[in-house]
């Protein structure tokens, strides 16, 4: 059975034999060997495509399994998992692979984002997103919400717009108002 590693060595050997036949003017034999070389190259290309397709399917399955393991603990983890799955899915598409058990990418992304927003909502309810931490997380969350929109998964991020954003913004307004009062500033804060 032909392996990709063998392809280059076999092609070099056939090329050397072909050159030798051409030097001896053995055209009939050279033509047969040339046909064999073309056939070998085609077999090797097909084998490389098959291996690329199998590898793409393996990577996609691995990325899907990682995304399903547990709720991503941080936004960076969610981002990495989503990018890994999208990258692997794009590789499957590019090599025109037909995977045995292709994951439902949209459902996986939706479920993962929903898990993350539940964790985030719990952090918010526990007061872990107040002050500067809330402001930093809020800017990251706007990026997540934008990604949801781009991926067509707006409903997966609804909790961001309906619960998380308003609560974080209200907390930021309250903090700003308290700071103004402490300073004795009369600037209105809305």
C-alpha atoms as a PDB file:
ATOM      1  CA  UNK A   1       0.000   0.000   0.000  1.00  0.00           C
ATOM      2  CA  UNK A   2       1.322   3.415  -0.990  1.00  0.00           C
ATOM      3  CA  UNK A   3       2.146   5.923   1.747  1.00  0.00           C
ATOM      4  CA  UNK A   4       2.799   9.642   1.348  1.00  0.00           C
ATOM      5  CA  UNK A   5       6.335   9.213   2.715  1.00  0.00           C
ATOM      6  CA  UNK A   6       7.074   6.721  -0.065  1.00  0.00           C
ATOM      7  CA  UNK A   7       5.832   8.981  -2.846  1.00  0.00           C
ATOM      8  CA  UNK A   8       8.852  11.241  -3.172  1.00  0.00           C
ATOM      9  CA  UNK A   9      11.334   8.372  -3.005  1.00  0.00           C
ATOM     10  CA  UNK A  10       9.430   6.352  -5.599  1.00  0.00           C
ATOM     11  CA  UNK A  11       9.042   9.384  -7.865  1.00  0.00           C
ATOM     12  CA  UNK A  12      12.793  10.114  -7.654  1.00  0.00           C
ATOM     13  CA  UNK A  13      13.615   6.486  -8.476  1.00  0.00           C
ATOM     14  CA  UNK A  14      11.264   6.480 -11.478  1.00  0.00           C
ATOM     15  CA  UNK A  15      12.674   9.828 -12.658  1.00  0.00           C
ATOM     16  CA  UNK A  16      16.243   8.476 -12.494  1.00  0.00           C
ATOM     17  CA  UNK A  17      15.231   5.340 -14.416  1.00  0.00           C
ATOM     18  CA  UNK A  18      13.404   7.492 -16.966  1.00  0.00           C
ATOM     19  CA  UNK A  19      16.487   9.675 -17.477  1.00  0.00           C
ATOM     20  CA  UNK A  20      18.607   6.556 -17.949  1.00  0.00           C
ATOM     21  CA  UNK A  21      16.200   5.178 -20.560  1.00  0.00           C
ATOM     22  CA  UNK A  22      16.137   8.488 -22.417  1.00  0.00           C
ATOM     23  CA  UNK A  23      19.942   8.558 -22.530  1.00  0.00           C
ATOM     24  CA  UNK A  24      19.873   5.110 -24.145  1.00  0.00           C
ATOM     25  CA  UNK A  25      17.138   6.159 -26.599  1.00  0.00           C
ATOM     26  CA  UNK A  26      14.811   3.449 -25.270  1.00  0.00           C
ATOM     27  CA  UNK A  27      11.699   5.464 -26.113  1.00  0.00           C
ATOM     28  CA  UNK A  28       9.119   2.680 -25.819  1.00  0.00           C
ATOM     29  CA  UNK A  29      10.299   1.754 -22.338  1.00  0.00           C
ATOM     30  CA  UNK A  30      10.648   5.445 -21.439  1.00  0.00           C
ATOM     31  CA  UNK A  31       7.027   6.066 -22.468  1.00  0.00           C
ATOM     32  CA  UNK A  32       5.812   3.213 -20.256  1.00  0.00           C
ATOM     33  CA  UNK A  33       7.891   4.505 -17.364  1.00  0.00           C
ATOM     34  CA  UNK A  34       6.650   8.061 -17.944  1.00  0.00           C
ATOM     35  CA  UNK A  35       3.060   6.800 -17.791  1.00  0.00           C
ATOM     36  CA  UNK A  36       3.889   4.970 -14.550  1.00  0.00           C
ATOM     37  CA  UNK A  37       5.393   8.178 -13.126  1.00  0.00           C
ATOM     38  CA  UNK A  38       2.270  10.187 -14.017  1.00  0.00           C
ATOM     39  CA  UNK A  39       0.116   7.479 -12.416  1.00  0.00           C
ATOM     40  CA  UNK A  40       2.270   7.525  -9.268  1.00  0.00           C
ATOM     41  CA  UNK A  41       2.023  11.314  -8.991  1.00  0.00           C
ATOM     42  CA  UNK A  42      -1.773  11.141  -9.320  1.00  0.00           C
ATOM     43  CA  UNK A  43      -1.998   8.398  -6.679  1.00  0.00           C
ATOM     44  CA  UNK A  44       0.218  10.386  -4.334  1.00  0.00           C
ATOM     45  CA  UNK A  45      -1.843  13.543  -4.792  1.00  0.00           C
ATOM     46  CA  UNK A  46      -5.043  11.618  -4.091  1.00  0.00           C
ATOM     47  CA  UNK A  47      -3.442  10.091  -0.999  1.00  0.00           C
ATOM     48  CA  UNK A  48      -2.339  13.514   0.262  1.00  0.00           C
ATOM     49  CA  UNK A  49      -5.881  14.836  -0.211  1.00  0.00           C
ATOM     50  CA  UNK A  50      -7.320  11.848   1.686  1.00  0.00           C
ATOM     51  CA  UNK A  51      -4.892  12.390   4.542  1.00  0.00           C
ATOM     52  CA  UNK A  52      -5.652  16.128   4.660  1.00  0.00           C
ATOM     53  CA  UNK A  53      -9.371  15.364   4.736  1.00  0.00           C
ATOM     54  CA  UNK A  54      -8.960  12.815   7.535  1.00  0.00           C
ATOM     55  CA  UNK A  55      -6.810  15.241   9.545  1.00  0.00           C
ATOM     56  CA  UNK A  56      -9.348  18.056   9.068  1.00  0.00           C
ATOM     57  CA  UNK A  57     -12.169  15.803  10.299  1.00  0.00           C
ATOM     58  CA  UNK A  58     -10.072  14.732  13.301  1.00  0.00           C
ATOM     59  CA  UNK A  59      -9.299  18.345  14.210  1.00  0.00           C
ATOM     60  CA  UNK A  60     -12.943  19.346  13.852  1.00  0.00           C
ATOM     61  CA  UNK A  61     -14.069  16.459  16.075  1.00  0.00           C
ATOM     62  CA  UNK A  62     -11.420  17.375  18.665  1.00  0.00           C
ATOM     63  CA  UNK A  63     -12.442  21.052  18.654  1.00  0.00           C
ATOM     64  CA  UNK A  64     -16.108  20.078  18.995  1.00  0.00           C
ATOM     65  CA  UNK A  65     -15.310  17.754  21.918  1.00  0.00           C
ATOM     66  CA  UNK A  66     -13.310  20.489  23.656  1.00  0.00           C
ATOM     67  CA  UNK A  67     -16.175  22.937  23.230  1.00  0.00           C
ATOM     68  CA  UNK A  68     -18.595  20.408  24.746  1.00  0.00           C
ATOM     69  CA  UNK A  69     -16.428  19.504  27.767  1.00  0.00           C
ATOM     70  CA  UNK A  70     -17.577  22.203  30.165  1.00  0.00           C
ATOM     71  CA  UNK A  71     -18.562  25.829  30.339  1.00  0.00           C
ATOM     72  CA  UNK A  72     -15.586  27.969  29.363  1.00  0.00           C
ATOM     73  CA  UNK A  73     -14.340  29.608  32.577  1.00  0.00           C
ATOM     74  CA  UNK A  74     -13.105  32.782  30.900  1.00  0.00           C
ATOM     75  CA  UNK A  75     -13.801  34.797  27.808  1.00  0.00           C
ATOM     76  CA  UNK A  76     -10.312  33.947  26.523  1.00  0.00           C
ATOM     77  CA  UNK A  77     -11.119  30.228  26.849  1.00  0.00           C
ATOM     78  CA  UNK A  78     -14.405  30.684  25.026  1.00  0.00           C
ATOM     79  CA  UNK A  79     -12.669  32.669  22.295  1.00  0.00           C
ATOM     80  CA  UNK A  80      -9.973  29.998  21.827  1.00  0.00           C
ATOM     81  CA  UNK A  81     -12.507  27.170  21.730  1.00  0.00           C
ATOM     82  CA  UNK A  82     -14.718  28.983  19.236  1.00  0.00           C
ATOM     83  CA  UNK A  83     -11.772  29.926  17.016  1.00  0.00           C
ATOM     84  CA  UNK A  84     -10.462  26.342  17.101  1.00  0.00           C
ATOM     85  CA  UNK A  85     -13.844  24.981  16.025  1.00  0.00           C
ATOM     86  CA  UNK A  86     -14.338  27.601  13.321  1.00  0.00           C
ATOM     87  CA  UNK A  87     -10.799  27.069  12.013  1.00  0.00           C
ATOM     88  CA  UNK A  88     -11.212  23.299  11.893  1.00  0.00           C
ATOM     89  CA  UNK A  89     -14.608  23.653  10.227  1.00  0.00           C
ATOM     90  CA  UNK A  90     -13.080  25.959   7.627  1.00  0.00           C
ATOM     91  CA  UNK A  91     -10.308  23.404   7.014  1.00  0.00           C
ATOM     92  CA  UNK A  92     -12.934  20.685   6.469  1.00  0.00           C
ATOM     93  CA  UNK A  93     -14.642  22.936   3.939  1.00  0.00           C
ATOM     94  CA  UNK A  94     -11.394  23.835   2.149  1.00  0.00           C
ATOM     95  CA  UNK A  95     -10.290  20.225   1.681  1.00  0.00           C
ATOM     96  CA  UNK A  96     -13.857  19.212   0.765  1.00  0.00           C
ATOM     97  CA  UNK A  97     -13.888  16.545   3.450  1.00  0.00           C
ATOM     98  CA  UNK A  98     -16.966  14.518   4.259  1.00  0.00           C
ATOM     99  CA  UNK A  99     -16.608  13.697   7.929  1.00  0.00           C
ATOM    100  CA  UNK A 100     -18.266  10.587   9.347  1.00  0.00           C
ATOM    101  CA  UNK A 101     -20.042  12.446  12.158  1.00  0.00           C
ATOM    102  CA  UNK A 102     -19.896  16.175  11.441  1.00  0.00           C
ATOM    103  CA  UNK A 103     -20.804  18.332  14.437  1.00  0.00           C
ATOM    104  CA  UNK A 104     -23.638  20.844  14.332  1.00  0.00           C
ATOM    105  CA  UNK A 105     -21.317  23.832  14.564  1.00  0.00           C
ATOM    106  CA  UNK A 106     -24.048  26.424  15.102  1.00  0.00           C
ATOM    107  CA  UNK A 107     -25.641  24.392  17.903  1.00  0.00           C
ATOM    108  CA  UNK A 108     -22.255  23.885  19.579  1.00  0.00           C
ATOM    109  CA  UNK A 109     -21.417  27.573  19.388  1.00  0.00           C
ATOM    110  CA  UNK A 110     -24.834  28.564  20.647  1.00  0.00           C
ATOM    111  CA  UNK A 111     -24.635  26.148  23.605  1.00  0.00           C
ATOM    112  CA  UNK A 112     -21.113  27.245  24.527  1.00  0.00           C
ATOM    113  CA  UNK A 113     -21.978  30.938  24.407  1.00  0.00           C
ATOM    114  CA  UNK A 114     -25.099  30.304  26.472  1.00  0.00           C
ATOM    115  CA  UNK A 115     -23.030  28.399  29.069  1.00  0.00           C
ATOM    116  CA  UNK A 116     -20.538  31.233  29.245  1.00  0.00           C
ATOM    117  CA  UNK A 117     -23.230  33.875  29.634  1.00  0.00           C
ATOM    118  CA  UNK A 118     -24.776  31.861  32.497  1.00  0.00           C
ATOM    119  CA  UNK A 119     -21.376  31.796  34.250  1.00  0.00           C
ATOM    120  CA  UNK A 120     -21.014  35.500  33.562  1.00  0.00           C
ATOM    121  CA  UNK A 121     -24.485  36.223  34.924  1.00  0.00           C
ATOM    122  CA  UNK A 122     -23.571  34.321  38.103  1.00  0.00           C
ATOM    123  CA  UNK A 123     -20.399  36.445  38.432  1.00  0.00           C
ATOM    124  CA  UNK A 124     -22.491  39.551  37.965  1.00  0.00           C
ATOM    125  CA  UNK A 125     -25.035  38.448  40.565  1.00  0.00           C
ATOM    126  CA  UNK A 126     -22.203  37.655  43.000  1.00  0.00           C
ATOM    127  CA  UNK A 127     -20.758  41.158  42.565  1.00  0.00           C
ATOM    128  CA  UNK A 128     -17.561  40.040  40.836  1.00  0.00           C
ATOM    129  CA  UNK A 129     -18.102  42.412  37.902  1.00  0.00           C
ATOM    130  CA  UNK A 130     -18.165  45.707  39.742  1.00  0.00           C
ATOM    131  CA  UNK A 131     -15.913  48.710  39.173  1.00  0.00           C
ATOM    132  CA  UNK A 132     -12.904  48.411  36.839  1.00  0.00           C
ATOM    133  CA  UNK A 133     -13.370  44.633  36.471  1.00  0.00           C
ATOM    134  CA  UNK A 134     -16.869  45.241  35.155  1.00  0.00           C
ATOM    135  CA  UNK A 135     -15.634  47.868  32.706  1.00  0.00           C
ATOM    136  CA  UNK A 136     -12.928  45.553  31.339  1.00  0.00           C
ATOM    137  CA  UNK A 137     -15.305  42.639  31.040  1.00  0.00           C
ATOM    138  CA  UNK A 138     -17.937  44.861  29.448  1.00  0.00           C
ATOM    139  CA  UNK A 139     -15.630  45.801  26.573  1.00  0.00           C
ATOM    140  CA  UNK A 140     -14.851  42.103  26.031  1.00  0.00           C
ATOM    141  CA  UNK A 141     -18.538  41.280  26.149  1.00  0.00           C
ATOM    142  CA  UNK A 142     -19.324  43.807  23.459  1.00  0.00           C
ATOM    143  CA  UNK A 143     -16.843  41.901  21.271  1.00  0.00           C
ATOM    144  CA  UNK A 144     -18.563  38.598  22.124  1.00  0.00           C
ATOM    145  CA  UNK A 145     -21.935  40.118  21.280  1.00  0.00           C
ATOM    146  CA  UNK A 146     -20.558  41.385  17.954  1.00  0.00           C
ATOM    147  CA  UNK A 147     -19.202  37.896  17.224  1.00  0.00           C
ATOM    148  CA  UNK A 148     -22.622  36.436  18.020  1.00  0.00           C
ATOM    149  CA  UNK A 149     -24.188  38.811  15.520  1.00  0.00           C
ATOM    150  CA  UNK A 150     -21.611  37.960  12.834  1.00  0.00           C
ATOM    151  CA  UNK A 151     -22.049  34.220  13.386  1.00  0.00           C
ATOM    152  CA  UNK A 152     -25.832  34.517  13.180  1.00  0.00           C
ATOM    153  CA  UNK A 153     -26.159  33.449  16.817  1.00  0.00           C
ATOM    154  CA  UNK A 154     -27.757  36.603  18.204  1.00  0.00           C
ATOM    155  CA  UNK A 155     -30.268  34.598  20.245  1.00  0.00           C
ATOM    156  CA  UNK A 156     -27.435  32.810  22.052  1.00  0.00           C
ATOM    157  CA  UNK A 157     -26.212  36.153  23.365  1.00  0.00           C
ATOM    158  CA  UNK A 158     -29.617  37.602  24.245  1.00  0.00           C
ATOM    159  CA  UNK A 159     -28.789  37.342  27.948  1.00  0.00           C
ATOM    160  CA  UNK A 160     -25.913  39.762  27.357  1.00  0.00           C
ATOM    161  CA  UNK A 161     -28.206  42.459  25.978  1.00  0.00           C
ATOM    162  CA  UNK A 162     -31.147  41.844  28.301  1.00  0.00           C
ATOM    163  CA  UNK A 163     -29.443  41.164  31.635  1.00  0.00           C
ATOM    164  CA  UNK A 164     -25.663  41.471  31.686  1.00  0.00           C
ATOM    165  CA  UNK A 165     -25.110  44.767  29.830  1.00  0.00           C
ATOM    166  CA  UNK A 166     -27.844  46.653  31.716  1.00  0.00           C
ATOM    167  CA  UNK A 167     -26.664  45.348  35.104  1.00  0.00           C
ATOM    168  CA  UNK A 168     -22.977  46.147  34.468  1.00  0.00           C
ATOM    169  CA  UNK A 169     -23.835  49.594  33.080  1.00  0.00           C
ATOM    170  CA  UNK A 170     -26.127  50.319  36.034  1.00  0.00           C
ATOM    171  CA  UNK A 171     -23.327  49.318  38.396  1.00  0.00           C
ATOM    172  CA  UNK A 172     -20.875  51.561  36.546  1.00  0.00           C
ATOM    173  CA  UNK A 173     -23.338  54.472  36.729  1.00  0.00           C
ATOM    174  CA  UNK A 174     -23.833  53.895  40.453  1.00  0.00           C
ATOM    175  CA  UNK A 175     -20.049  53.769  41.010  1.00  0.00           C
ATOM    176  CA  UNK A 176     -19.562  56.977  39.006  1.00  0.00           C
ATOM    177  CA  UNK A 177     -22.369  58.706  40.902  1.00  0.00           C
ATOM    178  CA  UNK A 178     -20.901  57.637  44.247  1.00  0.00           C
ATOM    179  CA  UNK A 179     -17.479  58.911  43.190  1.00  0.00           C
ATOM    180  CA  UNK A 180     -18.972  62.256  42.145  1.00  0.00           C
ATOM    181  CA  UNK A 181     -20.730  62.574  45.493  1.00  0.00           C
ATOM    182  CA  UNK A 182     -17.522  61.733  47.362  1.00  0.00           C
ATOM    183  CA  UNK A 183     -15.662  64.463  45.467  1.00  0.00           C
ATOM    184  CA  UNK A 184     -18.489  66.915  45.845  1.00  0.00           C
ATOM    185  CA  UNK A 185     -18.776  67.245  42.085  1.00  0.00           C
ATOM    186  CA  UNK A 186     -22.016  68.572  40.708  1.00  0.00           C
ATOM    187  CA  UNK A 187     -21.611  67.108  37.234  1.00  0.00           C
ATOM    188  CA  UNK A 188     -24.666  65.100  36.296  1.00  0.00           C
ATOM    189  CA  UNK A 189     -24.116  61.400  35.753  1.00  0.00           C
ATOM    190  CA  UNK A 190     -26.679  59.499  33.767  1.00  0.00           C
END
